Structure formats: C-alpha cells, structure tokens
C-alpha cells in the first residue's frame, strides 16, 4: 500500500512541472512600453472605454471619446488631429 501511494506522489511530482511548462502566457509577447503606447492610441482614437460593461465600444461612445480628447488635448489642431507627442506615454499634459 505504501508503495502505491509513493508511486502516485512521485508520478504527480514529476508530471506537475511538465504541465506548468506547457502553458504559454500570451502577455509575454509585448513589452510594457508597447502596451502603454497601445493604450494611449486607443484613448486618442476613442476606442478606450471608461465603462466596464461596454466592449466593444459603441459608435456613439467612440465619437464622444474622440470629441472629448480633441477638445482637451487638440484644441488648436483642428477637427482630425494626428497621433502626436502628448499621446506618448509619460509625455507632459
């Protein structure tokens, strides 16, 4: 009986790390800087939502977010501003 219990514990101990190595984390493909840049771009484009329950954002939300961003950050740039320096992570506002 002790032999069977020992065999089960031993096989579990050996097999467990193999399963842990087999899983891949999809977040490993991008750096923090890349993620921050994507977040800034989504805020600029109006696709970043403040509401947790709204994904993907509705057309109305995108329009409102773009208008809010343009009014607060691009007041001198015109109707369709390009992605610029203030949108970069860490830039002064």
C-alpha atoms as a PDB file:
ATOM      1  CA  UNK A   1       0.000   0.000   0.000  1.00  0.00           C
ATOM      2  CA  UNK A   2       2.820   2.388   0.844  1.00  0.00           C
ATOM      3  CA  UNK A   3       4.401   1.545  -2.495  1.00  0.00           C
ATOM      4  CA  UNK A   4       1.295   2.566  -4.437  1.00  0.00           C
ATOM      5  CA  UNK A   5       0.927   5.821  -2.504  1.00  0.00           C
ATOM      6  CA  UNK A   6       4.606   6.584  -3.030  1.00  0.00           C
ATOM      7  CA  UNK A   7       4.284   5.878  -6.767  1.00  0.00           C
ATOM      8  CA  UNK A   8       1.289   8.218  -7.059  1.00  0.00           C
ATOM      9  CA  UNK A   9       3.050  11.025  -5.195  1.00  0.00           C
ATOM     10  CA  UNK A  10       6.224  10.522  -7.220  1.00  0.00           C
ATOM     11  CA  UNK A  11       4.429  10.500 -10.582  1.00  0.00           C
ATOM     12  CA  UNK A  12       2.418  13.594  -9.640  1.00  0.00           C
ATOM     13  CA  UNK A  13       5.556  15.399  -8.537  1.00  0.00           C
ATOM     14  CA  UNK A  14       7.311  14.575 -11.799  1.00  0.00           C
ATOM     15  CA  UNK A  15       4.335  15.343 -14.073  1.00  0.00           C
ATOM     16  CA  UNK A  16       3.255  18.637 -12.494  1.00  0.00           C
ATOM     17  CA  UNK A  17       6.180  20.762 -13.764  1.00  0.00           C
ATOM     18  CA  UNK A  18       5.688  19.355 -17.258  1.00  0.00           C
ATOM     19  CA  UNK A  19       2.136  20.703 -17.345  1.00  0.00           C
ATOM     20  CA  UNK A  20       3.221  24.046 -15.940  1.00  0.00           C
ATOM     21  CA  UNK A  21       5.829  24.473 -18.685  1.00  0.00           C
ATOM     22  CA  UNK A  22       3.318  23.577 -21.382  1.00  0.00           C
ATOM     23  CA  UNK A  23       1.138  26.622 -20.785  1.00  0.00           C
ATOM     24  CA  UNK A  24       2.059  29.827 -22.541  1.00  0.00           C
ATOM     25  CA  UNK A  25       1.261  33.308 -21.355  1.00  0.00           C
ATOM     26  CA  UNK A  26       0.072  35.473 -24.252  1.00  0.00           C
ATOM     27  CA  UNK A  27       1.120  38.683 -22.490  1.00  0.00           C
ATOM     28  CA  UNK A  28       4.797  37.786 -22.843  1.00  0.00           C
ATOM     29  CA  UNK A  29       4.839  38.935 -26.471  1.00  0.00           C
ATOM     30  CA  UNK A  30       4.678  42.680 -25.736  1.00  0.00           C
ATOM     31  CA  UNK A  31       6.707  44.991 -23.546  1.00  0.00           C
ATOM     32  CA  UNK A  32       5.227  47.472 -21.066  1.00  0.00           C
ATOM     33  CA  UNK A  33       6.140  50.329 -23.368  1.00  0.00           C
ATOM     34  CA  UNK A  34       4.235  48.724 -26.243  1.00  0.00           C
ATOM     35  CA  UNK A  35       1.159  48.188 -24.082  1.00  0.00           C
ATOM     36  CA  UNK A  36       1.282  51.799 -22.832  1.00  0.00           C
ATOM     37  CA  UNK A  37       1.565  53.035 -26.415  1.00  0.00           C
ATOM     38  CA  UNK A  38      -1.434  50.903 -27.462  1.00  0.00           C
ATOM     39  CA  UNK A  39      -3.429  52.302 -24.540  1.00  0.00           C
ATOM     40  CA  UNK A  40      -2.538  55.887 -25.478  1.00  0.00           C
ATOM     41  CA  UNK A  41      -3.502  55.203 -29.098  1.00  0.00           C
ATOM     42  CA  UNK A  42      -6.861  53.742 -28.062  1.00  0.00           C
ATOM     43  CA  UNK A  43      -7.555  56.841 -25.958  1.00  0.00           C
ATOM     44  CA  UNK A  44      -6.617  59.036 -28.922  1.00  0.00           C
ATOM     45  CA  UNK A  45      -8.802  57.026 -31.324  1.00  0.00           C
ATOM     46  CA  UNK A  46     -11.774  56.993 -28.955  1.00  0.00           C
ATOM     47  CA  UNK A  47     -11.867  53.203 -28.627  1.00  0.00           C
ATOM     48  CA  UNK A  48     -10.852  53.200 -24.949  1.00  0.00           C
ATOM     49  CA  UNK A  49     -13.967  52.934 -22.819  1.00  0.00           C
ATOM     50  CA  UNK A  50     -14.385  54.064 -19.256  1.00  0.00           C
ATOM     51  CA  UNK A  51     -17.392  51.800 -18.744  1.00  0.00           C
ATOM     52  CA  UNK A  52     -16.570  48.235 -17.759  1.00  0.00           C
ATOM     53  CA  UNK A  53     -19.672  46.760 -19.361  1.00  0.00           C
ATOM     54  CA  UNK A  54     -19.234  48.247 -22.816  1.00  0.00           C
ATOM     55  CA  UNK A  55     -16.933  46.232 -25.026  1.00  0.00           C
ATOM     56  CA  UNK A  56     -16.555  46.793 -27.876  1.00  0.00           C
ATOM     57  CA  UNK A  57     -17.427  50.467 -27.527  1.00  0.00           C
ATOM     58  CA  UNK A  58     -20.491  51.706 -29.362  1.00  0.00           C
ATOM     59  CA  UNK A  59     -20.215  54.176 -32.228  1.00  0.00           C
ATOM     60  CA  UNK A  60     -21.676  56.874 -30.013  1.00  0.00           C
ATOM     61  CA  UNK A  61     -19.063  56.213 -27.299  1.00  0.00           C
ATOM     62  CA  UNK A  62     -16.214  56.356 -29.839  1.00  0.00           C
ATOM     63  CA  UNK A  63     -17.482  59.679 -31.201  1.00  0.00           C
ATOM     64  CA  UNK A  64     -17.856  61.107 -27.697  1.00  0.00           C
ATOM     65  CA  UNK A  65     -14.378  59.919 -26.621  1.00  0.00           C
ATOM     66  CA  UNK A  66     -12.808  61.408 -29.762  1.00  0.00           C
ATOM     67  CA  UNK A  67     -14.597  64.698 -29.163  1.00  0.00           C
ATOM     68  CA  UNK A  68     -13.527  64.794 -25.507  1.00  0.00           C
ATOM     69  CA  UNK A  69      -9.909  64.021 -26.407  1.00  0.00           C
ATOM     70  CA  UNK A  70      -9.843  66.569 -29.223  1.00  0.00           C
ATOM     71  CA  UNK A  71     -11.333  69.271 -27.010  1.00  0.00           C
ATOM     72  CA  UNK A  72      -8.954  68.694 -24.131  1.00  0.00           C
ATOM     73  CA  UNK A  73      -5.732  67.862 -25.975  1.00  0.00           C
ATOM     74  CA  UNK A  74      -6.064  69.119 -29.564  1.00  0.00           C
ATOM     75  CA  UNK A  75      -7.973  72.376 -29.238  1.00  0.00           C
ATOM     76  CA  UNK A  76      -5.576  74.093 -31.680  1.00  0.00           C
ATOM     77  CA  UNK A  77      -5.123  71.161 -34.105  1.00  0.00           C
ATOM     78  CA  UNK A  78      -8.441  71.177 -35.969  1.00  0.00           C
ATOM     79  CA  UNK A  79     -11.104  68.516 -36.466  1.00  0.00           C
ATOM     80  CA  UNK A  80      -8.962  65.431 -37.153  1.00  0.00           C
ATOM     81  CA  UNK A  81      -5.665  65.610 -35.248  1.00  0.00           C
ATOM     82  CA  UNK A  82      -2.875  63.103 -35.754  1.00  0.00           C
ATOM     83  CA  UNK A  83      -1.322  60.980 -33.009  1.00  0.00           C
ATOM     84  CA  UNK A  84       1.324  63.269 -31.564  1.00  0.00           C
ATOM     85  CA  UNK A  85       3.812  63.766 -28.731  1.00  0.00           C
ATOM     86  CA  UNK A  86       1.334  64.368 -25.900  1.00  0.00           C
ATOM     87  CA  UNK A  87      -0.226  60.978 -26.650  1.00  0.00           C
ATOM     88  CA  UNK A  88       3.068  59.232 -25.940  1.00  0.00           C
ATOM     89  CA  UNK A  89       3.273  57.538 -22.530  1.00  0.00           C
ATOM     90  CA  UNK A  90       4.956  59.777 -19.978  1.00  0.00           C
ATOM     91  CA  UNK A  91       4.524  62.960 -22.013  1.00  0.00           C
ATOM     92  CA  UNK A  92       3.623  66.167 -20.214  1.00  0.00           C
ATOM     93  CA  UNK A  93      -0.025  67.086 -20.424  1.00  0.00           C
END
